[in-house]
Amino acid sequence: MPAQNLYNNLTYMFPAANIWLTGHSLGGALAGLLGITFGAPVITFEAPGDRMASRRLHLPQPVSPTLDYPPVRAIRSLTLGLQPDVQHVTHVFHTADPIPMGTCTGVLSSCAIAGYAMETRCHLGRKRVYDTVSRYGWSVDVRTHRIGIIIDKLLAEDWDKPGDDGSPGREVPELTQDDEQCDVGALLYSFTLRH
């Protein structure tokens, strides 16, 4: 993959460099997958969910601390010191964008009709989600997916500055994380072997 080659070349040429990966939409998904692969810090903007792709590519996955049945307990006790950390990946998006929110999935979605196969809403790492639908009255629309929307309408304003009416400034959303059960329904495929 050209992105892997570029990353390998950069780390070879500049071994002491602190390399961060970033991207928007598909570029963000690729940056996230590269970050998971190489352990590089990542910030994505409006990237679709990447957890299912990372599983299918057999990239490092965090061990869930919530599952508690004997096989998982045994695996967890053996791998806790070895489990990958995905906290270096941060996804930034807003609730009016159907692509990272995962509402643009399925064969009848506008994304599928346009030729894009979105299969999941789940992200690896942390996410900072700006609630633009309930707090600011935005409609859920694929046209809000442009990077200019998040830069001009969300990030360009001073978030700490109090309002003219004395109200506190807008707060930056807390970092959250998808739980391990996020993709469970999408991962239960049944295959029939025919002889």
N, C-alpha and C. Protein backbone atom coordinates (compact mmCIF):
# COMPACT_ATOMS: atom_id res chain seq x y z
N MET A 1 0.86 -1.17 0.00
CA MET A 1 0.00 0.00 0.00
C MET A 1 0.91 1.24 0.00
N PRO A 2 0.65 2.20 -0.86
CA PRO A 2 1.50 3.39 -0.94
C PRO A 2 1.62 4.16 0.37
N ALA A 3 0.55 4.21 1.15
CA ALA A 3 0.61 4.95 2.42
C ALA A 3 1.57 4.29 3.39
N GLN A 4 1.59 2.95 3.42
CA GLN A 4 2.54 2.24 4.28
C GLN A 4 3.97 2.51 3.83
N ASN A 5 4.18 2.51 2.52
CA ASN A 5 5.52 2.78 1.99
C ASN A 5 5.96 4.19 2.36
N LEU A 6 5.06 5.16 2.22
CA LEU A 6 5.40 6.53 2.57
C LEU A 6 5.76 6.64 4.05
N TYR A 7 4.95 6.01 4.91
CA TYR A 7 5.24 6.05 6.35
C TYR A 7 6.59 5.40 6.65
N ASN A 8 6.82 4.24 6.05
CA ASN A 8 8.10 3.54 6.27
C ASN A 8 9.28 4.39 5.79
N ASN A 9 9.13 5.03 4.63
CA ASN A 9 10.21 5.88 4.10
C ASN A 9 10.47 7.07 5.01
N LEU A 10 9.41 7.71 5.49
CA LEU A 10 9.58 8.86 6.37
C LEU A 10 10.25 8.48 7.68
N THR A 11 9.83 7.37 8.27
CA THR A 11 10.44 6.97 9.53
C THR A 11 11.88 6.50 9.33
N TYR A 12 12.19 6.00 8.14
CA TYR A 12 13.57 5.61 7.85
C TYR A 12 14.46 6.85 7.67
N MET A 13 13.94 7.84 6.92
CA MET A 13 14.72 9.06 6.64
C MET A 13 14.83 9.97 7.87
N PHE A 14 13.80 9.98 8.70
CA PHE A 14 13.76 10.86 9.88
C PHE A 14 13.41 10.01 11.12
N PRO A 15 14.33 9.19 11.61
CA PRO A 15 14.00 8.27 12.69
C PRO A 15 13.62 8.95 14.01
N ALA A 16 14.05 10.18 14.23
CA ALA A 16 13.73 10.86 15.48
C ALA A 16 12.49 11.75 15.36
N ALA A 17 11.87 11.77 14.18
CA ALA A 17 10.73 12.65 13.94
C ALA A 17 9.49 12.16 14.70
N ASN A 18 8.68 13.10 15.14
CA ASN A 18 7.40 12.81 15.76
C ASN A 18 6.33 12.99 14.68
N ILE A 19 5.93 11.91 14.04
CA ILE A 19 5.02 11.96 12.89
C ILE A 19 3.58 11.75 13.35
N TRP A 20 2.71 12.69 12.98
CA TRP A 20 1.28 12.60 13.24
C TRP A 20 0.58 12.37 11.91
N LEU A 21 -0.47 11.57 11.93
CA LEU A 21 -1.26 11.31 10.74
C LEU A 21 -2.62 11.99 10.90
N THR A 22 -3.12 12.56 9.81
CA THR A 22 -4.44 13.19 9.86
C THR A 22 -5.10 13.04 8.50
N GLY A 23 -6.40 13.20 8.48
CA GLY A 23 -7.13 13.12 7.22
C GLY A 23 -8.60 13.38 7.44
N HIS A 24 -9.28 13.61 6.32
CA HIS A 24 -10.72 13.86 6.33
C HIS A 24 -11.41 12.76 5.54
N SER A 25 -12.51 12.26 6.03
CA SER A 25 -13.33 11.28 5.35
C SER A 25 -12.52 10.00 5.09
N LEU A 26 -12.42 9.59 3.83
CA LEU A 26 -11.65 8.38 3.51
C LEU A 26 -10.19 8.53 3.91
N GLY A 27 -9.63 9.73 3.73
CA GLY A 27 -8.26 9.98 4.16
C GLY A 27 -8.11 9.83 5.66
N GLY A 28 -9.13 10.19 6.42
CA GLY A 28 -9.12 10.00 7.87
C GLY A 28 -9.18 8.53 8.24
N ALA A 29 -10.01 7.77 7.52
CA ALA A 29 -10.09 6.33 7.79
C ALA A 29 -8.74 5.67 7.51
N LEU A 30 -8.10 6.04 6.41
CA LEU A 30 -6.78 5.47 6.09
C LEU A 30 -5.74 5.90 7.12
N ALA A 31 -5.78 7.16 7.54
CA ALA A 31 -4.85 7.63 8.58
C ALA A 31 -5.06 6.84 9.87
N GLY A 32 -6.32 6.60 10.24
CA GLY A 32 -6.61 5.83 11.44
C GLY A 32 -6.07 4.41 11.36
N LEU A 33 -6.27 3.76 10.22
CA LEU A 33 -5.78 2.40 10.05
C LEU A 33 -4.25 2.35 10.07
N LEU A 34 -3.60 3.35 9.47
CA LEU A 34 -2.14 3.42 9.54
C LEU A 34 -1.67 3.67 10.96
N GLY A 35 -2.38 4.53 11.68
CA GLY A 35 -2.02 4.81 13.07
C GLY A 35 -2.14 3.58 13.94
N ILE A 36 -3.19 2.78 13.72
CA ILE A 36 -3.35 1.54 14.46
C ILE A 36 -2.23 0.57 14.10
N THR A 37 -1.87 0.52 12.83
CA THR A 37 -0.82 -0.39 12.37
C THR A 37 0.54 -0.05 12.96
N PHE A 38 0.91 1.24 12.93
CA PHE A 38 2.26 1.65 13.31
C PHE A 38 2.34 2.31 14.69
N GLY A 39 1.21 2.55 15.33
CA GLY A 39 1.23 3.19 16.65
C GLY A 39 1.47 4.69 16.59
N ALA A 40 1.25 5.31 15.44
CA ALA A 40 1.46 6.75 15.29
C ALA A 40 0.22 7.51 15.78
N PRO A 41 0.40 8.72 16.32
CA PRO A 41 -0.76 9.53 16.73
C PRO A 41 -1.58 9.95 15.52
N VAL A 42 -2.90 9.95 15.68
CA VAL A 42 -3.81 10.23 14.57
C VAL A 42 -4.92 11.16 15.04
N ILE A 43 -5.28 12.12 14.18
CA ILE A 43 -6.50 12.91 14.36
C ILE A 43 -7.24 12.86 13.03
N THR A 44 -8.47 12.36 13.06
CA THR A 44 -9.26 12.29 11.84
C THR A 44 -10.43 13.26 11.95
N PHE A 45 -10.90 13.69 10.80
CA PHE A 45 -12.06 14.57 10.73
C PHE A 45 -13.11 13.90 9.85
N GLU A 46 -14.27 13.63 10.44
CA GLU A 46 -15.42 13.11 9.72
C GLU A 46 -15.13 11.79 9.00
N ALA A 47 -14.32 10.95 9.62
CA ALA A 47 -13.97 9.66 9.04
C ALA A 47 -15.06 8.64 9.33
N PRO A 48 -15.35 7.75 8.37
CA PRO A 48 -16.31 6.68 8.66
C PRO A 48 -15.73 5.73 9.70
N GLY A 49 -16.57 4.92 10.29
CA GLY A 49 -16.12 3.95 11.29
C GLY A 49 -15.02 3.06 10.74
N ASP A 50 -14.03 2.76 11.58
CA ASP A 50 -12.89 1.98 11.11
C ASP A 50 -12.68 0.68 11.89
N ARG A 51 -13.53 0.41 12.87
CA ARG A 51 -13.31 -0.78 13.69
C ARG A 51 -13.47 -2.06 12.89
N MET A 52 -14.51 -2.16 12.07
CA MET A 52 -14.72 -3.38 11.30
C MET A 52 -13.59 -3.60 10.30
N ALA A 53 -13.16 -2.54 9.63
CA ALA A 53 -12.05 -2.67 8.67
C ALA A 53 -10.78 -3.13 9.38
N SER A 54 -10.52 -2.59 10.56
CA SER A 54 -9.30 -2.99 11.28
C SER A 54 -9.37 -4.45 11.71
N ARG A 55 -10.55 -4.93 12.05
CA ARG A 55 -10.69 -6.36 12.38
C ARG A 55 -10.46 -7.22 11.16
N ARG A 56 -11.04 -6.83 10.04
CA ARG A 56 -10.89 -7.62 8.82
C ARG A 56 -9.45 -7.64 8.32
N LEU A 57 -8.71 -6.58 8.61
CA LEU A 57 -7.30 -6.51 8.22
C LEU A 57 -6.39 -7.10 9.30
N HIS A 58 -6.97 -7.59 10.38
CA HIS A 58 -6.23 -8.19 11.50
C HIS A 58 -5.24 -7.22 12.12
N LEU A 59 -5.67 -5.97 12.26
CA LEU A 59 -4.85 -4.97 12.93
C LEU A 59 -5.02 -5.11 14.43
N PRO A 60 -4.14 -4.54 15.23
CA PRO A 60 -4.25 -4.68 16.69
C PRO A 60 -5.61 -4.19 17.20
N GLN A 61 -6.18 -4.97 18.11
CA GLN A 61 -7.46 -4.64 18.71
C GLN A 61 -7.31 -4.58 20.22
N PRO A 62 -7.96 -3.63 20.87
CA PRO A 62 -7.90 -3.61 22.34
C PRO A 62 -8.71 -4.76 22.91
N VAL A 63 -8.28 -5.29 24.04
CA VAL A 63 -9.02 -6.34 24.72
C VAL A 63 -10.08 -5.66 25.58
N SER A 64 -11.30 -6.11 25.46
CA SER A 64 -12.40 -5.48 26.19
C SER A 64 -12.35 -5.83 27.67
N PRO A 65 -12.42 -4.82 28.54
CA PRO A 65 -12.48 -5.12 29.97
C PRO A 65 -13.89 -5.45 30.42
N THR A 66 -14.91 -5.33 29.54
CA THR A 66 -16.30 -5.51 29.96
C THR A 66 -16.78 -6.94 29.82
N LEU A 67 -16.23 -7.70 28.88
CA LEU A 67 -16.69 -9.08 28.72
C LEU A 67 -16.13 -9.91 29.86
N ASP A 68 -16.99 -10.70 30.49
CA ASP A 68 -16.54 -11.44 31.65
C ASP A 68 -17.07 -12.87 31.62
N TYR A 69 -16.56 -13.66 30.71
CA TYR A 69 -16.85 -15.09 30.74
C TYR A 69 -15.51 -15.81 30.60
N PRO A 70 -15.42 -17.06 31.07
CA PRO A 70 -14.13 -17.72 31.27
C PRO A 70 -13.12 -17.61 30.12
N PRO A 71 -13.48 -17.87 28.85
CA PRO A 71 -12.44 -17.78 27.81
C PRO A 71 -11.83 -16.37 27.71
N VAL A 72 -12.68 -15.35 27.85
CA VAL A 72 -12.17 -13.98 27.73
C VAL A 72 -11.31 -13.65 28.95
N ARG A 73 -11.73 -14.09 30.15
CA ARG A 73 -10.91 -13.84 31.34
C ARG A 73 -9.53 -14.45 31.19
N ALA A 74 -9.47 -15.68 30.66
CA ALA A 74 -8.18 -16.35 30.48
C ALA A 74 -7.32 -15.60 29.47
N ILE A 75 -7.91 -15.19 28.36
CA ILE A 75 -7.16 -14.46 27.33
C ILE A 75 -6.71 -13.11 27.89
N ARG A 76 -7.62 -12.43 28.60
CA ARG A 76 -7.29 -11.12 29.14
C ARG A 76 -6.13 -11.22 30.13
N SER A 77 -6.13 -12.25 30.97
CA SER A 77 -5.06 -12.36 31.96
C SER A 77 -3.71 -12.61 31.28
N LEU A 78 -3.73 -13.26 30.12
CA LEU A 78 -2.49 -13.51 29.40
C LEU A 78 -2.03 -12.32 28.58
N THR A 79 -2.96 -11.49 28.14
CA THR A 79 -2.61 -10.44 27.17
C THR A 79 -2.68 -9.03 27.70
N LEU A 80 -3.05 -8.82 28.96
CA LEU A 80 -3.20 -7.44 29.44
C LEU A 80 -1.94 -6.62 29.24
N GLY A 81 -0.79 -7.21 29.46
CA GLY A 81 0.45 -6.47 29.27
C GLY A 81 0.79 -6.28 27.81
N LEU A 82 0.16 -7.05 26.92
CA LEU A 82 0.49 -7.00 25.50
C LEU A 82 -0.57 -6.30 24.66
N GLN A 83 -1.72 -5.98 25.26
CA GLN A 83 -2.80 -5.44 24.44
C GLN A 83 -2.44 -4.08 23.85
N PRO A 84 -2.87 -3.85 22.62
CA PRO A 84 -2.53 -2.58 21.97
C PRO A 84 -3.32 -1.43 22.57
N ASP A 85 -2.73 -0.29 22.55
CA ASP A 85 -3.39 0.92 23.02
C ASP A 85 -3.85 1.69 21.79
N VAL A 86 -5.12 2.04 21.75
CA VAL A 86 -5.65 2.79 20.61
C VAL A 86 -6.01 4.21 21.01
N GLN A 87 -5.54 4.65 22.18
CA GLN A 87 -5.85 6.00 22.65
C GLN A 87 -5.12 7.07 21.87
N HIS A 88 -4.20 6.71 21.01
CA HIS A 88 -3.48 7.69 20.20
C HIS A 88 -4.26 8.07 18.94
N VAL A 89 -5.44 7.49 18.76
CA VAL A 89 -6.30 7.79 17.60
C VAL A 89 -7.51 8.57 18.11
N THR A 90 -7.72 9.76 17.54
CA THR A 90 -8.87 10.60 17.92
C THR A 90 -9.65 10.97 16.67
N HIS A 91 -10.95 10.73 16.71
CA HIS A 91 -11.85 11.06 15.62
C HIS A 91 -12.67 12.29 16.01
N VAL A 92 -12.73 13.29 15.15
CA VAL A 92 -13.50 14.51 15.40
C VAL A 92 -14.58 14.60 14.33
N PHE A 93 -15.84 14.70 14.77
CA PHE A 93 -16.94 14.86 13.82
C PHE A 93 -18.16 15.43 14.52
N HIS A 94 -19.22 15.67 13.77
CA HIS A 94 -20.44 16.24 14.34
C HIS A 94 -21.64 15.37 14.00
N THR A 95 -22.71 15.54 14.75
CA THR A 95 -23.87 14.65 14.65
C THR A 95 -24.72 14.87 13.41
N ALA A 96 -24.53 15.96 12.68
CA ALA A 96 -25.31 16.17 11.46
C ALA A 96 -24.68 15.48 10.26
N ASP A 97 -23.50 14.92 10.41
CA ASP A 97 -22.83 14.23 9.31
C ASP A 97 -23.15 12.73 9.40
N PRO A 98 -23.90 12.19 8.43
CA PRO A 98 -24.32 10.79 8.52
C PRO A 98 -23.19 9.78 8.32
N ILE A 99 -22.08 10.19 7.74
CA ILE A 99 -21.02 9.22 7.43
C ILE A 99 -20.29 8.75 8.69
N PRO A 100 -19.71 9.62 9.51
CA PRO A 100 -19.08 9.10 10.73
C PRO A 100 -20.08 8.64 11.79
N MET A 101 -21.31 9.17 11.73
CA MET A 101 -22.32 8.76 12.70
C MET A 101 -22.86 7.36 12.41
N GLY A 102 -22.58 6.85 11.20
CA GLY A 102 -23.03 5.50 10.86
C GLY A 102 -24.47 5.41 10.44
N THR A 103 -25.09 6.55 10.15
CA THR A 103 -26.48 6.52 9.69
C THR A 103 -26.56 6.40 8.18
N CYS A 104 -25.42 6.34 7.54
CA CYS A 104 -25.37 6.21 6.08
C CYS A 104 -24.91 4.79 5.72
N THR A 105 -25.47 3.80 6.41
CA THR A 105 -25.13 2.40 6.16
C THR A 105 -26.34 1.67 5.61
N GLY A 106 -26.10 0.56 4.98
CA GLY A 106 -27.19 -0.25 4.44
C GLY A 106 -27.37 -0.01 2.95
N VAL A 107 -28.02 -0.96 2.28
CA VAL A 107 -28.14 -0.91 0.83
C VAL A 107 -29.07 0.18 0.33
N LEU A 108 -29.96 0.68 1.16
CA LEU A 108 -30.89 1.72 0.73
C LEU A 108 -30.48 3.12 1.19
N SER A 109 -29.33 3.24 1.81
CA SER A 109 -28.88 4.55 2.27
C SER A 109 -28.42 5.40 1.10
N SER A 110 -28.37 6.72 1.32
CA SER A 110 -27.91 7.61 0.24
C SER A 110 -26.46 7.32 -0.11
N CYS A 111 -25.66 6.87 0.84
CA CYS A 111 -24.26 6.53 0.54
C CYS A 111 -24.18 5.33 -0.39
N ALA A 112 -24.97 4.29 -0.11
CA ALA A 112 -24.95 3.09 -0.94
C ALA A 112 -25.46 3.41 -2.34
N ILE A 113 -26.50 4.22 -2.42
CA ILE A 113 -27.04 4.60 -3.73
C ILE A 113 -26.00 5.37 -4.53
N ALA A 114 -25.17 6.16 -3.85
CA ALA A 114 -24.11 6.92 -4.52
C ALA A 114 -22.88 6.06 -4.82
N GLY A 115 -22.89 4.80 -4.36
CA GLY A 115 -21.79 3.89 -4.68
C GLY A 115 -20.77 3.69 -3.58
N TYR A 116 -21.07 4.15 -2.36
CA TYR A 116 -20.15 3.99 -1.24
C TYR A 116 -20.68 2.93 -0.30
N ALA A 117 -19.84 1.99 0.10
CA ALA A 117 -20.25 0.90 0.99
C ALA A 117 -19.82 1.23 2.41
N MET A 118 -20.69 1.83 3.18
CA MET A 118 -20.43 2.12 4.58
C MET A 118 -21.05 0.98 5.38
N GLU A 119 -20.26 0.33 6.23
CA GLU A 119 -20.75 -0.85 6.94
C GLU A 119 -20.83 -0.69 8.44
N THR A 120 -20.27 0.35 9.00
CA THR A 120 -20.20 0.42 10.45
C THR A 120 -20.24 1.86 10.92
N ARG A 121 -20.59 2.03 12.18
CA ARG A 121 -20.55 3.34 12.81
C ARG A 121 -19.49 3.38 13.89
N CYS A 122 -18.79 2.28 14.11
CA CYS A 122 -17.88 2.13 15.23
C CYS A 122 -16.46 2.57 14.89
N HIS A 123 -15.88 3.34 15.80
CA HIS A 123 -14.52 3.86 15.62
C HIS A 123 -13.59 3.26 16.65
N LEU A 124 -12.34 3.02 16.25
CA LEU A 124 -11.30 2.64 17.20
C LEU A 124 -10.73 3.91 17.80
N GLY A 125 -10.29 3.83 19.02
CA GLY A 125 -9.72 5.00 19.66
C GLY A 125 -10.79 5.87 20.29
N ARG A 126 -10.46 7.14 20.44
CA ARG A 126 -11.38 8.08 21.09
C ARG A 126 -12.09 8.91 20.03
N LYS A 127 -13.20 9.52 20.44
CA LYS A 127 -13.91 10.41 19.51
C LYS A 127 -14.41 11.63 20.25
N ARG A 128 -14.40 12.74 19.55
CA ARG A 128 -14.92 14.01 20.06
C ARG A 128 -16.05 14.39 19.12
N VAL A 129 -17.28 14.25 19.60
CA VAL A 129 -18.46 14.44 18.75
C VAL A 129 -19.17 15.73 19.15
N TYR A 130 -19.24 16.66 18.21
CA TYR A 130 -19.95 17.92 18.41
C TYR A 130 -21.43 17.70 18.10
N ASP A 131 -22.30 17.96 19.06
CA ASP A 131 -23.74 17.74 18.89
C ASP A 131 -24.35 18.94 18.18
N THR A 132 -24.29 18.91 16.86
CA THR A 132 -24.80 20.02 16.06
C THR A 132 -26.28 19.89 15.77
N VAL A 133 -26.85 18.71 15.95
CA VAL A 133 -28.27 18.51 15.66
C VAL A 133 -29.12 19.06 16.79
N SER A 134 -28.92 18.59 18.02
CA SER A 134 -29.79 19.05 19.10
C SER A 134 -29.36 20.41 19.66
N ARG A 135 -28.08 20.72 19.65
CA ARG A 135 -27.64 21.99 20.24
C ARG A 135 -27.74 23.17 19.29
N TYR A 136 -27.55 22.93 17.99
CA TYR A 136 -27.53 24.04 17.03
C TYR A 136 -28.59 23.94 15.95
N GLY A 137 -29.40 22.88 15.97
CA GLY A 137 -30.51 22.76 15.04
C GLY A 137 -30.13 22.37 13.62
N TRP A 138 -28.96 21.82 13.42
CA TRP A 138 -28.57 21.39 12.07
C TRP A 138 -29.37 20.15 11.69
N SER A 139 -29.62 19.97 10.39
CA SER A 139 -30.27 18.74 9.92
C SER A 139 -29.21 17.73 9.53
N VAL A 140 -29.55 16.47 9.69
CA VAL A 140 -28.64 15.41 9.26
C VAL A 140 -28.68 15.37 7.75
N ASP A 141 -27.53 15.60 7.14
CA ASP A 141 -27.46 15.72 5.69
C ASP A 141 -26.03 15.45 5.25
N VAL A 142 -25.88 14.65 4.21
CA VAL A 142 -24.54 14.31 3.72
C VAL A 142 -23.79 15.56 3.23
N ARG A 143 -24.52 16.62 2.93
CA ARG A 143 -23.84 17.86 2.49
C ARG A 143 -23.08 18.54 3.62
N THR A 144 -23.31 18.12 4.87
CA THR A 144 -22.54 18.68 5.99
C THR A 144 -21.21 17.95 6.18
N HIS A 145 -20.90 17.02 5.28
CA HIS A 145 -19.68 16.21 5.40
C HIS A 145 -18.42 16.95 4.95
N ARG A 146 -18.57 18.03 4.24
CA ARG A 146 -17.39 18.76 3.75
C ARG A 146 -16.52 19.22 4.92
N ILE A 147 -15.20 19.19 4.72
CA ILE A 147 -14.27 19.61 5.77
C ILE A 147 -14.48 21.09 6.11
N GLY A 148 -14.89 21.89 5.13
CA GLY A 148 -15.13 23.31 5.37
C GLY A 148 -16.21 23.55 6.40
N ILE A 149 -17.18 22.66 6.48
CA ILE A 149 -18.26 22.82 7.46
C ILE A 149 -17.71 22.74 8.88
N ILE A 150 -16.91 21.73 9.16
CA ILE A 150 -16.39 21.57 10.53
C ILE A 150 -15.38 22.66 10.86
N ILE A 151 -14.62 23.12 9.87
CA ILE A 151 -13.64 24.19 10.13
C ILE A 151 -14.34 25.53 10.31
N ASP A 152 -15.16 25.91 9.34
CA ASP A 152 -15.78 27.24 9.36
C ASP A 152 -16.89 27.39 10.40
N LYS A 153 -17.70 26.36 10.58
CA LYS A 153 -18.87 26.51 11.45
C LYS A 153 -18.66 25.98 12.87
N LEU A 154 -17.60 25.20 13.10
CA LEU A 154 -17.39 24.67 14.44
C LEU A 154 -16.06 25.09 15.04
N LEU A 155 -14.98 24.81 14.35
CA LEU A 155 -13.67 25.00 14.95
C LEU A 155 -13.13 26.42 14.85
N ALA A 156 -13.62 27.22 13.93
CA ALA A 156 -13.08 28.57 13.74
C ALA A 156 -13.50 29.53 14.84
N GLU A 157 -14.62 29.26 15.49
CA GLU A 157 -15.09 30.16 16.54
C GLU A 157 -14.30 29.95 17.83
N ASP A 158 -14.22 30.97 18.62
CA ASP A 158 -13.54 30.90 19.91
C ASP A 158 -14.45 30.17 20.89
N TRP A 159 -14.04 29.00 21.32
CA TRP A 159 -14.89 28.17 22.16
C TRP A 159 -14.88 28.60 23.61
N ASP A 160 -13.85 29.29 24.04
CA ASP A 160 -13.78 29.69 25.44
C ASP A 160 -14.35 31.08 25.69
N LYS A 161 -14.56 31.85 24.65
CA LYS A 161 -15.02 33.23 24.79
C LYS A 161 -16.49 33.25 25.23
N PRO A 162 -16.80 33.98 26.30
CA PRO A 162 -18.19 34.09 26.74
C PRO A 162 -19.04 34.81 25.69
N GLY A 163 -20.34 34.49 25.68
CA GLY A 163 -21.24 35.13 24.75
C GLY A 163 -21.49 36.59 25.10
N ASP A 164 -22.08 37.34 24.17
CA ASP A 164 -22.37 38.75 24.39
C ASP A 164 -23.37 38.95 25.53
N ASP A 165 -24.22 37.95 25.74
CA ASP A 165 -25.23 38.06 26.80
C ASP A 165 -24.72 37.58 28.16
N GLY A 166 -23.41 37.31 28.26
CA GLY A 166 -22.83 36.86 29.52
C GLY A 166 -22.83 35.36 29.70
N SER A 167 -23.41 34.63 28.73
CA SER A 167 -23.43 33.17 28.83
C SER A 167 -22.03 32.61 28.62
N PRO A 168 -21.76 31.46 29.21
CA PRO A 168 -20.42 30.89 29.04
C PRO A 168 -20.19 30.50 27.58
N GLY A 169 -18.94 30.43 27.19
CA GLY A 169 -18.59 30.03 25.82
C GLY A 169 -19.00 28.59 25.56
N ARG A 170 -18.97 28.22 24.30
CA ARG A 170 -19.31 26.85 23.95
C ARG A 170 -18.24 25.91 24.51
N GLU A 171 -18.67 24.78 24.97
CA GLU A 171 -17.74 23.81 25.53
C GLU A 171 -17.30 22.82 24.46
N VAL A 172 -16.04 22.44 24.51
CA VAL A 172 -15.54 21.39 23.64
C VAL A 172 -16.06 20.07 24.19
N PRO A 173 -16.64 19.22 23.35
CA PRO A 173 -17.19 17.95 23.84
C PRO A 173 -16.12 17.07 24.47
N GLU A 174 -16.54 16.29 25.45
CA GLU A 174 -15.64 15.34 26.10
C GLU A 174 -15.25 14.23 25.12
N LEU A 175 -14.10 13.65 25.35
CA LEU A 175 -13.69 12.49 24.57
C LEU A 175 -14.48 11.28 25.03
N THR A 176 -15.01 10.52 24.09
CA THR A 176 -15.74 9.29 24.40
C THR A 176 -15.12 8.15 23.59
N GLN A 177 -15.67 6.99 23.77
CA GLN A 177 -15.15 5.81 23.10
C GLN A 177 -16.29 4.86 22.84
N ASP A 178 -16.29 4.20 21.67
CA ASP A 178 -17.30 3.18 21.39
C ASP A 178 -17.00 1.96 22.24
N ASP A 179 -18.06 1.33 22.75
CA ASP A 179 -17.84 0.12 23.53
C ASP A 179 -17.62 -1.08 22.61
N GLU A 180 -17.20 -2.17 23.20
CA GLU A 180 -16.85 -3.37 22.43
C GLU A 180 -18.07 -3.96 21.73
N GLN A 181 -19.26 -3.72 22.23
CA GLN A 181 -20.47 -4.29 21.66
C GLN A 181 -20.99 -3.50 20.46
N CYS A 182 -20.32 -2.45 20.08
CA CYS A 182 -20.79 -1.56 19.03
C CYS A 182 -21.09 -2.28 17.72
N ASP A 183 -20.20 -3.15 17.28
CA ASP A 183 -20.35 -3.83 15.99
C ASP A 183 -20.84 -5.27 16.10
N VAL A 184 -21.33 -5.69 17.25
CA VAL A 184 -21.65 -7.10 17.43
C VAL A 184 -22.63 -7.60 16.39
N GLY A 185 -23.69 -6.87 16.14
CA GLY A 185 -24.68 -7.32 15.16
C GLY A 185 -24.10 -7.44 13.77
N ALA A 186 -23.18 -6.55 13.41
CA ALA A 186 -22.59 -6.58 12.08
C ALA A 186 -21.57 -7.69 11.93
N LEU A 187 -21.05 -8.21 13.03
CA LEU A 187 -20.01 -9.24 12.95
C LEU A 187 -20.55 -10.66 12.95
N LEU A 188 -21.83 -10.82 13.20
CA LEU A 188 -22.40 -12.16 13.28
C LEU A 188 -22.85 -12.63 11.90
N TYR A 189 -21.92 -13.10 11.11
CA TYR A 189 -22.23 -13.60 9.78
C TYR A 189 -22.41 -15.11 9.87
N SER A 190 -23.32 -15.65 9.11
CA SER A 190 -23.46 -17.10 9.09
C SER A 190 -23.10 -17.58 7.69
N PHE A 191 -22.29 -18.60 7.65
CA PHE A 191 -21.86 -19.16 6.38
C PHE A 191 -22.33 -20.61 6.33
N THR A 192 -22.76 -21.01 5.18
CA THR A 192 -23.20 -22.38 4.99
C THR A 192 -22.21 -23.07 4.07
N LEU A 193 -21.64 -24.17 4.53
CA LEU A 193 -20.72 -24.95 3.70
C LEU A 193 -21.53 -25.94 2.89
N ARG A 194 -21.28 -25.99 1.61
CA ARG A 194 -21.96 -26.96 0.75
C ARG A 194 -20.93 -27.94 0.21
N HIS A 195 -21.28 -29.17 0.28
CA HIS A 195 -20.37 -30.22 -0.21
C HIS A 195 -20.78 -30.65 -1.58
